[in-house]
Amino acid sequence: MLIVDRVEKSYRKGGFISSERQHVLKGISFECKQGECLGIIGESGSGKSTLGRLILGIEKPNRGTIWFEGKNVTDRRARSGNISAVFQDYTSSINPFYSVEEAIMEPLRLRKISKRDIQNNIDALLDQVGLNPSYRKKYPHDLSGGETQRVCIARAVSTEPKCIVLDEAISSLDGSVQFQVLELLKSLRNMYNMGFIFITHDIQAAAYICDRVMIIRNGQIEEMVKVEQLKDVQSAYAKQLLQMIMT
């Protein structure tokens, strides 16, 4: 489904007049199958969120190509309705002047369906993320962090995408709410047979929801391993990450 082929990304350092560049991603290549949940794990500055933005088409790589179902993700038609996103900062993910109903309705309008069907879809989506119809008229300032992120997830699944990029989507939530959202994501994944790119620094969360994890260090893939084989990682860096959460 998703093929990342020798992708590199760098940014100019010191402003436009500088020729020096910071290399954030270096020759990244991997594949993600239909319905698979791939965790991308790394410390702050490892390049994992940059990779997420490239997959979403928000930015373009300097070299290499990202393909989604045979189409380059730089083509909006390849992404539209097929790839969605849920970000860490849910407070800025929804227009503060939009009600919950309006926020979820925004991507639904792209599907060219009737207003009646849109209204029915909103109720169904709210139900799927554990919110009742009374939330339709609420605004972001009326919601808790967990409720806001549930609305963001409802909006992300509204077009029934084949892949959702979740960039630190639970890291700003309290521990108990994190678990609830992880359970919700697992349920929605089974319901829609969609794939996830689960970007996180939290190995425990990735191990709970992912099929495989890809460990990134300094813009390069350090190791790729199935979740059930995490304890058998080979690289010293991966072993260090695991040791940090076990001590």
C-alpha atoms as a PDB file:
ATOM      1  CA  MET A   1       0.000   0.000   0.000  1.00  0.00           C
ATOM      2  CA  LEU A   2       2.667   2.515   1.111  1.00  0.00           C
ATOM      3  CA  ILE A   3       6.181   2.436  -0.320  1.00  0.00           C
ATOM      4  CA  VAL A   4       8.860   4.853   0.865  1.00  0.00           C
ATOM      5  CA  ASP A   5      11.807   4.667  -1.511  1.00  0.00           C
ATOM      6  CA  ARG A   6      15.209   6.168  -0.595  1.00  0.00           C
ATOM      7  CA  VAL A   7      13.722   9.333   0.864  1.00  0.00           C
ATOM      8  CA  GLU A   8      15.951  12.183   2.004  1.00  0.00           C
ATOM      9  CA  LYS A   9      14.993  15.499   3.555  1.00  0.00           C
ATOM     10  CA  SER A  10      17.141  18.439   4.552  1.00  0.00           C
ATOM     11  CA  TYR A  11      16.537  22.039   5.607  1.00  0.00           C
ATOM     12  CA  ARG A  12      18.631  25.129   5.099  1.00  0.00           C
ATOM     13  CA  LYS A  13      20.407  26.254   8.273  1.00  0.00           C
ATOM     14  CA  GLY A  14      20.868  29.903   9.179  1.00  0.00           C
ATOM     15  CA  GLY A  15      18.298  31.414   6.825  1.00  0.00           C
ATOM     16  CA  PHE A  16      17.968  31.754   3.062  1.00  0.00           C
ATOM     17  CA  ILE A  17      21.450  33.140   2.488  1.00  0.00           C
ATOM     18  CA  SER A  18      23.148  30.123   4.091  1.00  0.00           C
ATOM     19  CA  SER A  19      24.310  27.189   1.965  1.00  0.00           C
ATOM     20  CA  GLU A  20      24.636  24.889   4.982  1.00  0.00           C
ATOM     21  CA  ARG A  21      21.914  22.276   5.328  1.00  0.00           C
ATOM     22  CA  GLN A  22      20.705  20.062   8.145  1.00  0.00           C
ATOM     23  CA  HIS A  23      19.988  16.531   6.958  1.00  0.00           C
ATOM     24  CA  VAL A  24      16.924  15.235   8.799  1.00  0.00           C
ATOM     25  CA  LEU A  25      16.183  12.051   6.840  1.00  0.00           C
ATOM     26  CA  LYS A  26      18.841   9.995   5.076  1.00  0.00           C
ATOM     27  CA  GLY A  27      17.920   7.279   2.604  1.00  0.00           C
ATOM     28  CA  ILE A  28      14.731   6.026   4.285  1.00  0.00           C
ATOM     29  CA  SER A  29      13.122   3.013   2.582  1.00  0.00           C
ATOM     30  CA  PHE A  30      10.316   0.750   3.822  1.00  0.00           C
ATOM     31  CA  GLU A  31       6.898  -0.647   2.923  1.00  0.00           C
ATOM     32  CA  CYS A  32       3.617  -0.782   4.829  1.00  0.00           C
ATOM     33  CA  LYS A  33       0.914  -3.254   3.795  1.00  0.00           C
ATOM     34  CA  GLN A  34      -2.845  -2.760   3.585  1.00  0.00           C
ATOM     35  CA  GLY A  35      -4.363  -2.780   7.084  1.00  0.00           C
ATOM     36  CA  GLU A  36      -0.986  -2.895   8.844  1.00  0.00           C
ATOM     37  CA  CYS A  37      -0.121  -0.751  11.848  1.00  0.00           C
ATOM     38  CA  LEU A  38       3.505   0.333  11.609  1.00  0.00           C
ATOM     39  CA  GLY A  39       5.060   2.103  14.559  1.00  0.00           C
ATOM     40  CA  ILE A  40       7.758   4.689  13.910  1.00  0.00           C
ATOM     41  CA  ILE A  41       9.755   5.149  17.091  1.00  0.00           C
ATOM     42  CA  GLY A  42      12.497   7.620  17.861  1.00  0.00           C
ATOM     43  CA  GLU A  43      13.666  10.276  20.236  1.00  0.00           C
ATOM     44  CA  SER A  44      12.961  13.962  19.716  1.00  0.00           C
ATOM     45  CA  GLY A  45      14.842  15.173  16.647  1.00  0.00           C
ATOM     46  CA  SER A  46      15.178  11.717  15.103  1.00  0.00           C
ATOM     47  CA  GLY A  47      13.179  12.749  12.028  1.00  0.00           C
ATOM     48  CA  LYS A  48      10.041  10.699  12.677  1.00  0.00           C
ATOM     49  CA  SER A  49       7.579  13.622  12.508  1.00  0.00           C
ATOM     50  CA  THR A  50       9.270  14.950   9.376  1.00  0.00           C
ATOM     51  CA  LEU A  51       8.703  11.543   7.815  1.00  0.00           C
ATOM     52  CA  GLY A  52       5.040  11.768   8.797  1.00  0.00           C
ATOM     53  CA  ARG A  53       4.676  15.135   7.071  1.00  0.00           C
ATOM     54  CA  LEU A  54       6.239  13.711   3.906  1.00  0.00           C
ATOM     55  CA  ILE A  55       3.819  10.761   3.908  1.00  0.00           C
ATOM     56  CA  LEU A  56       0.927  13.198   4.286  1.00  0.00           C
ATOM     57  CA  GLY A  57       2.214  15.342   1.414  1.00  0.00           C
ATOM     58  CA  ILE A  58       2.531  18.383   3.682  1.00  0.00           C
ATOM     59  CA  GLU A  59       6.181  18.586   2.636  1.00  0.00           C
ATOM     60  CA  LYS A  60       8.135  17.122  -0.269  1.00  0.00           C
ATOM     61  CA  PRO A  61      11.346  15.089  -0.010  1.00  0.00           C
ATOM     62  CA  ASN A  62      14.569  16.448  -1.481  1.00  0.00           C
ATOM     63  CA  ARG A  63      15.243  13.017  -2.937  1.00  0.00           C
ATOM     64  CA  GLY A  64      13.376   9.753  -3.197  1.00  0.00           C
ATOM     65  CA  THR A  65       9.687   9.018  -3.655  1.00  0.00           C
ATOM     66  CA  ILE A  66       6.731   8.026  -1.509  1.00  0.00           C
ATOM     67  CA  TRP A  67       4.104   5.913  -3.253  1.00  0.00           C
ATOM     68  CA  PHE A  68       0.581   5.189  -2.046  1.00  0.00           C
ATOM     69  CA  GLU A  69      -1.184   2.496  -4.039  1.00  0.00           C
ATOM     70  CA  GLY A  70       1.109   3.169  -6.979  1.00  0.00           C
ATOM     71  CA  LYS A  71       0.677   6.953  -6.970  1.00  0.00           C
ATOM     72  CA  ASN A  72       3.096   9.596  -5.782  1.00  0.00           C
ATOM     73  CA  VAL A  73       1.772  11.186  -2.559  1.00  0.00           C
ATOM     74  CA  THR A  74       2.784  14.620  -3.859  1.00  0.00           C
ATOM     75  CA  ASP A  75      -0.288  14.201  -6.112  1.00  0.00           C
ATOM     76  CA  ARG A  76      -3.265  15.430  -4.086  1.00  0.00           C
ATOM     77  CA  ARG A  77      -5.513  12.887  -5.817  1.00  0.00           C
ATOM     78  CA  ALA A  78      -3.441  10.056  -4.354  1.00  0.00           C
ATOM     79  CA  ARG A  79      -4.033  11.367  -0.818  1.00  0.00           C
ATOM     80  CA  SER A  80      -7.555  12.768  -0.958  1.00  0.00           C
ATOM     81  CA  GLY A  81      -9.873  10.587   1.095  1.00  0.00           C
ATOM     82  CA  ASN A  82      -7.206   7.888   1.321  1.00  0.00           C
ATOM     83  CA  ILE A  83      -4.763   9.253   3.905  1.00  0.00           C
ATOM     84  CA  SER A  84      -5.845  11.104   7.055  1.00  0.00           C
ATOM     85  CA  ALA A  85      -3.983  12.400  10.088  1.00  0.00           C
ATOM     86  CA  VAL A  86      -4.324  12.870  13.832  1.00  0.00           C
ATOM     87  CA  PHE A  87      -1.724  15.145  15.425  1.00  0.00           C
ATOM     88  CA  GLN A  88      -0.345  15.635  18.920  1.00  0.00           C
ATOM     89  CA  ASP A  89      -1.649  19.162  19.406  1.00  0.00           C
ATOM     90  CA  TYR A  90      -5.395  18.592  19.351  1.00  0.00           C
ATOM     91  CA  THR A  91      -5.991  22.149  20.605  1.00  0.00           C
ATOM     92  CA  SER A  92      -4.898  23.564  17.242  1.00  0.00           C
ATOM     93  CA  SER A  93      -6.229  20.700  15.111  1.00  0.00           C
ATOM     94  CA  ILE A  94      -9.795  21.977  15.197  1.00  0.00           C
ATOM     95  CA  ASN A  95     -10.885  25.492  14.276  1.00  0.00           C
ATOM     96  CA  PRO A  96     -11.945  27.013  17.635  1.00  0.00           C
ATOM     97  CA  PHE A  97     -14.936  28.626  15.916  1.00  0.00           C
ATOM     98  CA  TYR A  98     -16.165  25.290  14.548  1.00  0.00           C
ATOM     99  CA  SER A  99     -18.612  23.155  16.467  1.00  0.00           C
ATOM    100  CA  VAL A 100     -17.919  19.425  16.688  1.00  0.00           C
ATOM    101  CA  GLU A 101     -20.494  18.933  13.959  1.00  0.00           C
ATOM    102  CA  GLU A 102     -18.796  21.430  11.642  1.00  0.00           C
ATOM    103  CA  ALA A 103     -15.327  19.988  12.328  1.00  0.00           C
ATOM    104  CA  ILE A 104     -16.401  16.469  11.367  1.00  0.00           C
ATOM    105  CA  MET A 105     -18.471  17.727   8.432  1.00  0.00           C
ATOM    106  CA  GLU A 106     -15.473  19.440   6.806  1.00  0.00           C
ATOM    107  CA  PRO A 107     -13.908  16.326   5.175  1.00  0.00           C
ATOM    108  CA  LEU A 108     -17.327  14.737   4.612  1.00  0.00           C
ATOM    109  CA  ARG A 109     -18.208  17.522   2.177  1.00  0.00           C
ATOM    110  CA  LEU A 110     -15.425  16.266  -0.079  1.00  0.00           C
ATOM    111  CA  ARG A 111     -17.228  12.949  -0.503  1.00  0.00           C
ATOM    112  CA  LYS A 112     -20.077  14.556  -2.480  1.00  0.00           C
ATOM    113  CA  ILE A 113     -22.860  12.927  -0.486  1.00  0.00           C
ATOM    114  CA  SER A 114     -26.239  14.348   0.484  1.00  0.00           C
ATOM    115  CA  LYS A 115     -26.694  16.584   3.537  1.00  0.00           C
ATOM    116  CA  ARG A 116     -28.974  13.969   5.088  1.00  0.00           C
ATOM    117  CA  ASP A 117     -26.311  11.293   4.747  1.00  0.00           C
ATOM    118  CA  ILE A 118     -23.709  13.668   6.177  1.00  0.00           C
ATOM    119  CA  GLN A 119     -25.894  14.247   9.225  1.00  0.00           C
ATOM    120  CA  ASN A 120     -26.402  10.515   9.708  1.00  0.00           C
ATOM    121  CA  ASN A 121     -22.683   9.913   9.303  1.00  0.00           C
ATOM    122  CA  ILE A 122     -21.864  12.449  12.014  1.00  0.00           C
ATOM    123  CA  ASP A 123     -24.060  10.642  14.550  1.00  0.00           C
ATOM    124  CA  ALA A 124     -22.522   7.288  13.595  1.00  0.00           C
ATOM    125  CA  LEU A 125     -18.978   8.650  13.830  1.00  0.00           C
ATOM    126  CA  LEU A 126     -19.599  10.203  17.234  1.00  0.00           C
ATOM    127  CA  ASP A 127     -20.996   6.906  18.438  1.00  0.00           C
ATOM    128  CA  GLN A 128     -17.963   5.032  17.125  1.00  0.00           C
ATOM    129  CA  VAL A 129     -15.596   7.236  19.126  1.00  0.00           C
ATOM    130  CA  GLY A 130     -17.712   7.011  22.273  1.00  0.00           C
ATOM    131  CA  LEU A 131     -19.449  10.387  22.141  1.00  0.00           C
ATOM    132  CA  ASN A 132     -23.216  10.889  22.064  1.00  0.00           C
ATOM    133  CA  PRO A 133     -25.147  13.225  19.703  1.00  0.00           C
ATOM    134  CA  SER A 134     -25.213  16.009  22.317  1.00  0.00           C
ATOM    135  CA  TYR A 135     -21.584  16.727  21.402  1.00  0.00           C
ATOM    136  CA  ARG A 136     -22.569  17.910  17.943  1.00  0.00           C
ATOM    137  CA  LYS A 137     -23.175  21.502  19.064  1.00  0.00           C
ATOM    138  CA  LYS A 138     -20.246  21.748  21.445  1.00  0.00           C
ATOM    139  CA  TYR A 139     -17.100  23.730  20.690  1.00  0.00           C
ATOM    140  CA  PRO A 140     -13.465  22.827  21.383  1.00  0.00           C
ATOM    141  CA  HIS A 141     -13.392  24.910  24.585  1.00  0.00           C
ATOM    142  CA  ASP A 142     -16.276  22.791  25.930  1.00  0.00           C
ATOM    143  CA  LEU A 143     -14.295  19.549  25.579  1.00  0.00           C
ATOM    144  CA  SER A 144     -11.636  17.768  27.607  1.00  0.00           C
ATOM    145  CA  GLY A 145      -8.367  16.761  25.945  1.00  0.00           C
ATOM    146  CA  GLY A 146      -9.558  13.200  25.487  1.00  0.00           C
ATOM    147  CA  GLU A 147     -12.886  14.307  24.027  1.00  0.00           C
ATOM    148  CA  THR A 148     -11.174  16.689  21.609  1.00  0.00           C
ATOM    149  CA  GLN A 149      -8.836  13.954  20.390  1.00  0.00           C
ATOM    150  CA  ARG A 150     -11.823  11.635  19.908  1.00  0.00           C
ATOM    151  CA  VAL A 151     -13.401  14.289  17.680  1.00  0.00           C
ATOM    152  CA  CYS A 152     -10.123  14.524  15.725  1.00  0.00           C
ATOM    153  CA  ILE A 153     -10.173  10.749  15.284  1.00  0.00           C
ATOM    154  CA  ALA A 154     -13.817  10.816  14.167  1.00  0.00           C
ATOM    155  CA  ARG A 155     -12.908  13.436  11.577  1.00  0.00           C
ATOM    156  CA  ALA A 156      -9.902  11.386  10.431  1.00  0.00           C
ATOM    157  CA  VAL A 157     -11.978   8.227   9.852  1.00  0.00           C
ATOM    158  CA  SER A 158     -14.941  10.072   8.321  1.00  0.00           C
ATOM    159  CA  THR A 159     -13.721   9.540   4.750  1.00  0.00           C
ATOM    160  CA  GLU A 160     -12.975   5.885   5.525  1.00  0.00           C
ATOM    161  CA  PRO A 161      -9.305   6.292   4.585  1.00  0.00           C
ATOM    162  CA  LYS A 162      -7.012   3.379   3.906  1.00  0.00           C
ATOM    163  CA  CYS A 163      -4.305   4.850   6.138  1.00  0.00           C
ATOM    164  CA  ILE A 164      -4.163   7.239   9.093  1.00  0.00           C
ATOM    165  CA  VAL A 165      -0.933   8.905  10.187  1.00  0.00           C
ATOM    166  CA  LEU A 166      -1.005   9.330  13.985  1.00  0.00           C
ATOM    167  CA  ASP A 167       1.780  11.687  15.003  1.00  0.00           C
ATOM    168  CA  GLU A 168       2.235  11.515  18.799  1.00  0.00           C
ATOM    169  CA  ALA A 169      -1.564  11.378  18.937  1.00  0.00           C
ATOM    170  CA  ILE A 170      -1.749  10.241  22.572  1.00  0.00           C
ATOM    171  CA  SER A 171       1.342  11.856  24.099  1.00  0.00           C
ATOM    172  CA  SER A 172      -0.498  14.966  25.361  1.00  0.00           C
ATOM    173  CA  LEU A 173      -3.188  12.922  27.133  1.00  0.00           C
ATOM    174  CA  ASP A 174      -3.301  11.597  30.679  1.00  0.00           C
ATOM    175  CA  GLY A 175      -2.345   7.949  31.198  1.00  0.00           C
ATOM    176  CA  SER A 176      -5.859   6.535  31.591  1.00  0.00           C
ATOM    177  CA  VAL A 177      -7.105   8.549  28.612  1.00  0.00           C
ATOM    178  CA  GLN A 178      -4.162   7.319  26.536  1.00  0.00           C
ATOM    179  CA  PHE A 179      -5.266   3.734  27.107  1.00  0.00           C
ATOM    180  CA  GLN A 180      -8.872   4.585  26.155  1.00  0.00           C
ATOM    181  CA  VAL A 181      -7.727   6.192  22.902  1.00  0.00           C
ATOM    182  CA  LEU A 182      -5.475   3.223  22.082  1.00  0.00           C
ATOM    183  CA  GLU A 183      -8.433   0.894  22.615  1.00  0.00           C
ATOM    184  CA  LEU A 184     -10.552   3.127  20.387  1.00  0.00           C
ATOM    185  CA  LEU A 185      -7.920   3.052  17.628  1.00  0.00           C
ATOM    186  CA  LYS A 186      -7.703  -0.740  17.772  1.00  0.00           C
ATOM    187  CA  SER A 187     -11.482  -0.988  17.484  1.00  0.00           C
ATOM    188  CA  LEU A 188     -11.671   1.409  14.523  1.00  0.00           C
ATOM    189  CA  ARG A 189      -8.828  -0.357  12.771  1.00  0.00           C
ATOM    190  CA  ASN A 190     -10.730  -3.645  12.934  1.00  0.00           C
ATOM    191  CA  MET A 191     -13.979  -1.961  11.909  1.00  0.00           C
ATOM    192  CA  TYR A 192     -12.579  -0.251   8.799  1.00  0.00           C
ATOM    193  CA  ASN A 193      -9.591  -2.511   7.997  1.00  0.00           C
ATOM    194  CA  MET A 194      -7.433   0.612   7.775  1.00  0.00           C
ATOM    195  CA  GLY A 195      -3.703   0.916   8.285  1.00  0.00           C
ATOM    196  CA  PHE A 196      -1.952   3.168  10.783  1.00  0.00           C
ATOM    197  CA  ILE A 197       1.411   4.895  10.737  1.00  0.00           C
ATOM    198  CA  PHE A 198       1.827   5.304  14.488  1.00  0.00           C
ATOM    199  CA  ILE A 199       4.568   7.866  15.182  1.00  0.00           C
ATOM    200  CA  THR A 200       5.649   7.961  18.817  1.00  0.00           C
ATOM    201  CA  HIS A 201       8.498   8.030  21.309  1.00  0.00           C
ATOM    202  CA  ASP A 202       6.540   5.598  23.506  1.00  0.00           C
ATOM    203  CA  ILE A 203       7.616   2.013  22.824  1.00  0.00           C
ATOM    204  CA  GLN A 204       4.986   0.624  25.194  1.00  0.00           C
ATOM    205  CA  ALA A 205       2.162   2.292  23.278  1.00  0.00           C
ATOM    206  CA  ALA A 206       3.610   1.115  19.969  1.00  0.00           C
ATOM    207  CA  ALA A 207       3.950  -2.444  21.269  1.00  0.00           C
ATOM    208  CA  TYR A 208       0.294  -2.392  22.326  1.00  0.00           C
ATOM    209  CA  ILE A 209      -1.178  -1.312  19.004  1.00  0.00           C
ATOM    210  CA  CYS A 210       1.375  -2.004  16.235  1.00  0.00           C
ATOM    211  CA  ASP A 211       2.275  -5.052  14.137  1.00  0.00           C
ATOM    212  CA  ARG A 212       5.822  -3.879  13.451  1.00  0.00           C
ATOM    213  CA  VAL A 213       7.994  -1.061  14.717  1.00  0.00           C
ATOM    214  CA  MET A 214      10.654   0.888  12.873  1.00  0.00           C
ATOM    215  CA  ILE A 215      13.241   2.519  15.090  1.00  0.00           C
ATOM    216  CA  ILE A 216      14.750   5.732  13.713  1.00  0.00           C
ATOM    217  CA  ARG A 217      17.944   7.359  14.896  1.00  0.00           C
ATOM    218  CA  ASN A 218      19.462  10.525  13.448  1.00  0.00           C
ATOM    219  CA  GLY A 219      17.306  10.317  10.330  1.00  0.00           C
ATOM    220  CA  GLN A 220      18.143   6.711   9.505  1.00  0.00           C
ATOM    221  CA  ILE A 221      16.417   3.396  10.115  1.00  0.00           C
ATOM    222  CA  GLU A 222      18.174   1.706  13.004  1.00  0.00           C
ATOM    223  CA  GLU A 223      16.057  -1.425  13.062  1.00  0.00           C
ATOM    224  CA  MET A 224      12.739  -2.849  11.847  1.00  0.00           C
ATOM    225  CA  VAL A 225      11.166  -5.604  13.918  1.00  0.00           C
ATOM    226  CA  LYS A 226       7.841  -7.330  14.568  1.00  0.00           C
ATOM    227  CA  VAL A 227       6.286  -6.342  17.890  1.00  0.00           C
ATOM    228  CA  GLU A 228       6.467  -9.876  19.279  1.00  0.00           C
ATOM    229  CA  GLN A 229      10.215  -9.826  18.598  1.00  0.00           C
ATOM    230  CA  LEU A 230      10.953  -6.496  20.281  1.00  0.00           C
ATOM    231  CA  LYS A 231      12.871  -8.197  23.069  1.00  0.00           C
ATOM    232  CA  ASP A 232      15.236  -9.595  20.448  1.00  0.00           C
ATOM    233  CA  VAL A 233      16.349  -6.284  18.898  1.00  0.00           C
ATOM    234  CA  GLN A 234      19.954  -6.333  17.709  1.00  0.00           C
ATOM    235  CA  SER A 235      21.223  -2.734  17.671  1.00  0.00           C
ATOM    236  CA  ALA A 236      22.711  -1.178  20.797  1.00  0.00           C
ATOM    237  CA  TYR A 237      20.483   1.897  20.401  1.00  0.00           C
ATOM    238  CA  ALA A 238      17.276  -0.173  20.222  1.00  0.00           C
ATOM    239  CA  LYS A 239      18.363  -2.160  23.280  1.00  0.00           C
ATOM    240  CA  GLN A 240      18.993   1.106  25.114  1.00  0.00           C
ATOM    241  CA  LEU A 241      15.506   2.401  24.291  1.00  0.00           C
ATOM    242  CA  LEU A 242      13.954  -0.799  25.587  1.00  0.00           C
ATOM    243  CA  GLN A 243      16.041  -0.723  28.736  1.00  0.00           C
ATOM    244  CA  MET A 244      14.887   2.835  29.470  1.00  0.00           C
ATOM    245  CA  ILE A 245      11.245   1.756  29.772  1.00  0.00           C
ATOM    246  CA  MET A 246      12.001  -1.435  31.684  1.00  0.00           C
ATOM    247  CA  THR A 247      13.957   0.230  34.490  1.00  0.00           C
END
